[in-house]
Amino acid sequence: MKKNLARLYVVAALAAALAITGCNTVKGVGKDIETAGDKTQKAIND
């Protein structure tokens, strides 16, 4: 019983770490796309 609970904790910790990393990656890509869009728009307007 204790082994199963320990495995569950390990799996939950790994899943949480992956979820946090994924969110940061998506957030970073969104910022990069937004920056590229802003620079493109500025180049068109100038």
PDB file of N, CA and C in Angstrom:
ATOM      1  N   MET A   1       0.824  -1.201   0.000  1.00  0.00           N
ATOM      2  CA  MET A   1       0.000   0.000   0.000  1.00  0.00           C
ATOM      3  C   MET A   1       0.864   1.260   0.000  1.00  0.00           C
ATOM      4  N   LYS A   2       1.912   1.270   0.831  1.00  0.00           N
ATOM      5  CA  LYS A   2       2.772   2.442   0.901  1.00  0.00           C
ATOM      6  C   LYS A   2       3.541   2.653  -0.398  1.00  0.00           C
ATOM      7  N   LYS A   3       3.928   1.554  -1.081  1.00  0.00           N
ATOM      8  CA  LYS A   3       4.641   1.668  -2.349  1.00  0.00           C
ATOM      9  C   LYS A   3       3.762   2.342  -3.400  1.00  0.00           C
ATOM     10  N   ASN A   4       2.493   1.939  -3.449  1.00  0.00           N
ATOM     11  CA  ASN A   4       1.575   2.529  -4.414  1.00  0.00           C
ATOM     12  C   ASN A   4       1.367   4.009  -4.143  1.00  0.00           C
ATOM     13  N   LEU A   5       1.263   4.385  -2.882  1.00  0.00           N
ATOM     14  CA  LEU A   5       1.081   5.781  -2.517  1.00  0.00           C
ATOM     15  C   LEU A   5       2.328   6.592  -2.876  1.00  0.00           C
ATOM     16  N   ALA A   6       3.500   6.029  -2.634  1.00  0.00           N
ATOM     17  CA  ALA A   6       4.742   6.711  -2.977  1.00  0.00           C
ATOM     18  C   ALA A   6       4.846   6.899  -4.494  1.00  0.00           C
ATOM     19  N   ARG A   7       4.474   5.887  -5.253  1.00  0.00           N
ATOM     20  CA  ARG A   7       4.489   6.000  -6.716  1.00  0.00           C
ATOM     21  C   ARG A   7       3.512   7.070  -7.189  1.00  0.00           C
ATOM     22  N   LEU A   8       2.360   7.120  -6.555  1.00  0.00           N
ATOM     23  CA  LEU A   8       1.359   8.128  -6.906  1.00  0.00           C
ATOM     24  C   LEU A   8       1.913   9.535  -6.669  1.00  0.00           C
ATOM     25  N   TYR A   9       2.613   9.739  -5.565  1.00  0.00           N
ATOM     26  CA  TYR A   9       3.207  11.043  -5.274  1.00  0.00           C
ATOM     27  C   TYR A   9       4.262  11.414  -6.314  1.00  0.00           C
ATOM     28  N   VAL A  10       5.073  10.447  -6.705  1.00  0.00           N
ATOM     29  CA  VAL A  10       6.112  10.703  -7.706  1.00  0.00           C
ATOM     30  C   VAL A  10       5.482  11.072  -9.044  1.00  0.00           C
ATOM     31  N   VAL A  11       4.478  10.324  -9.447  1.00  0.00           N
ATOM     32  CA  VAL A  11       3.798  10.603 -10.719  1.00  0.00           C
ATOM     33  C   VAL A  11       3.120  11.974 -10.668  1.00  0.00           C
ATOM     34  N   ALA A  12       2.492  12.297  -9.564  1.00  0.00           N
ATOM     35  CA  ALA A  12       1.824  13.592  -9.424  1.00  0.00           C
ATOM     36  C   ALA A  12       2.837  14.739  -9.477  1.00  0.00           C
ATOM     37  N   ALA A  13       3.985  14.561  -8.851  1.00  0.00           N
ATOM     38  CA  ALA A  13       5.020  15.594  -8.874  1.00  0.00           C
ATOM     39  C   ALA A  13       5.570  15.786 -10.283  1.00  0.00           C
ATOM     40  N   LEU A  14       5.798  14.694 -10.993  1.00  0.00           N
ATOM     41  CA  LEU A  14       6.286  14.797 -12.364  1.00  0.00           C
ATOM     42  C   LEU A  14       5.255  15.462 -13.268  1.00  0.00           C
ATOM     43  N   ALA A  15       4.002  15.120 -13.105  1.00  0.00           N
ATOM     44  CA  ALA A  15       2.938  15.722 -13.909  1.00  0.00           C
ATOM     45  C   ALA A  15       2.841  17.224 -13.634  1.00  0.00           C
ATOM     46  N   ALA A  16       2.962  17.607 -12.385  1.00  0.00           N
ATOM     47  CA  ALA A  16       2.914  19.030 -12.036  1.00  0.00           C
ATOM     48  C   ALA A  16       4.102  19.779 -12.636  1.00  0.00           C
ATOM     49  N   ALA A  17       5.285  19.172 -12.582  1.00  0.00           N
ATOM     50  CA  ALA A  17       6.467  19.812 -13.158  1.00  0.00           C
ATOM     51  C   ALA A  17       6.320  19.989 -14.667  1.00  0.00           C
ATOM     52  N   LEU A  18       5.800  18.989 -15.339  1.00  0.00           N
ATOM     53  CA  LEU A  18       5.584  19.089 -16.783  1.00  0.00           C
ATOM     54  C   LEU A  18       4.539  20.143 -17.117  1.00  0.00           C
ATOM     55  N   ALA A  19       3.491  20.215 -16.332  1.00  0.00           N
ATOM     56  CA  ALA A  19       2.436  21.203 -16.580  1.00  0.00           C
ATOM     57  C   ALA A  19       2.971  22.619 -16.411  1.00  0.00           C
ATOM     58  N   ILE A  20       3.766  22.831 -15.377  1.00  0.00           N
ATOM     59  CA  ILE A  20       4.337  24.165 -15.141  1.00  0.00           C
ATOM     60  C   ILE A  20       5.284  24.544 -16.272  1.00  0.00           C
ATOM     61  N   THR A  21       6.104  23.614 -16.688  1.00  0.00           N
ATOM     62  CA  THR A  21       7.047  23.875 -17.778  1.00  0.00           C
ATOM     63  C   THR A  21       6.294  24.171 -19.068  1.00  0.00           C
ATOM     64  N   GLY A  22       5.256  23.417 -19.347  1.00  0.00           N
ATOM     65  CA  GLY A  22       4.461  23.632 -20.556  1.00  0.00           C
ATOM     66  C   GLY A  22       3.817  24.998 -20.573  1.00  0.00           C
ATOM     67  N   CYS A  23       3.294  25.433 -19.461  1.00  0.00           N
ATOM     68  CA  CYS A  23       2.658  26.755 -19.399  1.00  0.00           C
ATOM     69  C   CYS A  23       3.666  27.857 -19.667  1.00  0.00           C
ATOM     70  N   ASN A  24       4.840  27.748 -19.096  1.00  0.00           N
ATOM     71  CA  ASN A  24       5.866  28.765 -19.325  1.00  0.00           C
ATOM     72  C   ASN A  24       6.295  28.787 -20.774  1.00  0.00           C
ATOM     73  N   THR A  25       6.387  27.639 -21.394  1.00  0.00           N
ATOM     74  CA  THR A  25       6.804  27.576 -22.792  1.00  0.00           C
ATOM     75  C   THR A  25       5.762  28.234 -23.683  1.00  0.00           C
ATOM     76  N   VAL A  26       4.510  27.926 -23.476  1.00  0.00           N
ATOM     77  CA  VAL A  26       3.434  28.508 -24.279  1.00  0.00           C
ATOM     78  C   VAL A  26       3.377  30.013 -24.060  1.00  0.00           C
ATOM     79  N   LYS A  27       3.554  30.439 -22.843  1.00  0.00           N
ATOM     80  CA  LYS A  27       3.543  31.870 -22.534  1.00  0.00           C
ATOM     81  C   LYS A  27       4.691  32.575 -23.251  1.00  0.00           C
ATOM     82  N   GLY A  28       5.856  31.971 -23.282  1.00  0.00           N
ATOM     83  CA  GLY A  28       7.013  32.547 -23.962  1.00  0.00           C
ATOM     84  C   GLY A  28       6.805  32.638 -25.462  1.00  0.00           C
ATOM     85  N   VAL A  29       6.218  31.601 -26.043  1.00  0.00           N
ATOM     86  CA  VAL A  29       5.937  31.617 -27.486  1.00  0.00           C
ATOM     87  C   VAL A  29       4.938  32.714 -27.796  1.00  0.00           C
ATOM     88  N   GLY A  30       3.932  32.869 -26.967  1.00  0.00           N
ATOM     89  CA  GLY A  30       2.944  33.935 -27.163  1.00  0.00           C
ATOM     90  C   GLY A  30       3.578  35.309 -27.149  1.00  0.00           C
ATOM     91  N   LYS A  31       4.501  35.523 -26.232  1.00  0.00           N
ATOM     92  CA  LYS A  31       5.197  36.814 -26.170  1.00  0.00           C
ATOM     93  C   LYS A  31       6.053  37.035 -27.413  1.00  0.00           C
ATOM     94  N   ASP A  32       6.729  35.982 -27.874  1.00  0.00           N
ATOM     95  CA  ASP A  32       7.556  36.100 -29.079  1.00  0.00           C
ATOM     96  C   ASP A  32       6.711  36.457 -30.296  1.00  0.00           C
ATOM     97  N   ILE A  33       5.565  35.815 -30.434  1.00  0.00           N
ATOM     98  CA  ILE A  33       4.681  36.095 -31.568  1.00  0.00           C
ATOM     99  C   ILE A  33       4.145  37.516 -31.483  1.00  0.00           C
ATOM    100  N   GLU A  34       3.797  37.942 -30.290  1.00  0.00           N
ATOM    101  CA  GLU A  34       3.289  39.297 -30.106  1.00  0.00           C
ATOM    102  C   GLU A  34       4.360  40.329 -30.460  1.00  0.00           C
ATOM    103  N   THR A  35       5.586  40.092 -30.038  1.00  0.00           N
ATOM    104  CA  THR A  35       6.683  40.999 -30.355  1.00  0.00           C
ATOM    105  C   THR A  35       6.931  41.056 -31.857  1.00  0.00           C
ATOM    106  N   ALA A  36       6.918  39.911 -32.501  1.00  0.00           N
ATOM    107  CA  ALA A  36       7.120  39.875 -33.954  1.00  0.00           C
ATOM    108  C   ALA A  36       6.002  40.626 -34.664  1.00  0.00           C
ATOM    109  N   GLY A  37       4.772  40.463 -34.225  1.00  0.00           N
ATOM    110  CA  GLY A  37       3.636  41.173 -34.813  1.00  0.00           C
ATOM    111  C   GLY A  37       3.762  42.676 -34.638  1.00  0.00           C
ATOM    112  N   ASP A  38       4.196  43.100 -33.448  1.00  0.00           N
ATOM    113  CA  ASP A  38       4.371  44.534 -33.192  1.00  0.00           C
ATOM    114  C   ASP A  38       5.458  45.129 -34.110  1.00  0.00           C
ATOM    115  N   LYS A  39       6.556  44.418 -34.259  1.00  0.00           N
ATOM    116  CA  LYS A  39       7.651  44.921 -35.105  1.00  0.00           C
ATOM    117  C   LYS A  39       7.238  44.945 -36.577  1.00  0.00           C
ATOM    118  N   THR A  40       6.481  43.948 -36.996  1.00  0.00           N
ATOM    119  CA  THR A  40       5.996  43.929 -38.382  1.00  0.00           C
ATOM    120  C   THR A  40       5.058  45.094 -38.632  1.00  0.00           C
ATOM    121  N   GLN A  41       4.158  45.321 -37.706  1.00  0.00           N
ATOM    122  CA  GLN A  41       3.202  46.420 -37.840  1.00  0.00           C
ATOM    123  C   GLN A  41       3.942  47.765 -37.869  1.00  0.00           C
ATOM    124  N   LYS A  42       4.948  47.917 -37.026  1.00  0.00           N
ATOM    125  CA  LYS A  42       5.724  49.161 -36.988  1.00  0.00           C
ATOM    126  C   LYS A  42       6.459  49.364 -38.319  1.00  0.00           C
ATOM    127  N   ALA A  43       7.023  48.289 -38.881  1.00  0.00           N
ATOM    128  CA  ALA A  43       7.733  48.395 -40.145  1.00  0.00           C
ATOM    129  C   ALA A  43       6.794  48.780 -41.278  1.00  0.00           C
ATOM    130  N   ILE A  44       5.577  48.277 -41.247  1.00  0.00           N
ATOM    131  CA  ILE A  44       4.596  48.605 -42.278  1.00  0.00           C
ATOM    132  C   ILE A  44       4.172  50.064 -42.167  1.00  0.00           C
ATOM    133  N   ASN A  45       3.991  50.543 -40.959  1.00  0.00           N
ATOM    134  CA  ASN A  45       3.539  51.912 -40.738  1.00  0.00           C
ATOM    135  C   ASN A  45       4.620  52.960 -41.008  1.00  0.00           C
ATOM    136  N   ASP A  46       5.880  52.583 -40.891  1.00  0.00           N
ATOM    137  CA  ASP A  46       6.985  53.542 -41.092  1.00  0.00           C
ATOM    138  C   ASP A  46       7.336  53.708 -42.505  1.00  0.00           C
TER     139      ASP A  46
END
